[in-house]
Amino acid sequence: MSCRLQELRRKEVINACTGCKIGYVDDLQIDTKCAKVVALIVYGRPRLFGLFGKCDDYYIRWEKIRLIGEDAILVEDSVQKMPNKAKKRHKFVTNCHQINL
């Protein structure tokens, strides 16, 4: 079976042990030396329109994929979360001082 990236992006990634939805394939990691797909990457979804940051990204090694079906990709339970880069904390109010009237 062959599959294009565009077709992979439409497939839902599901944890086979728990049945939980992880997300959709957003990116691939490819080893250019041996021309193999190393991992699928699922980006974390934004929390409350991105105001509270986003969930962790998932890095799914190719060996952890159990099945690629027509609608979904089943993966093993031990999926790694990618560490988020340095998180910037956005402050709505900075340097507030009490003003006496």
Foldseek 3Di string as FASTA:
>chain_A
DDDDPVQQQQAWEAAPPPRDTPGGFDDWDADVVVGGTFWTKAQFAADPVNLVHTDFIWTGGPVQWDDDDNHYTYGYPPIDTDDDDDDDHDDPDPDDDDDDD
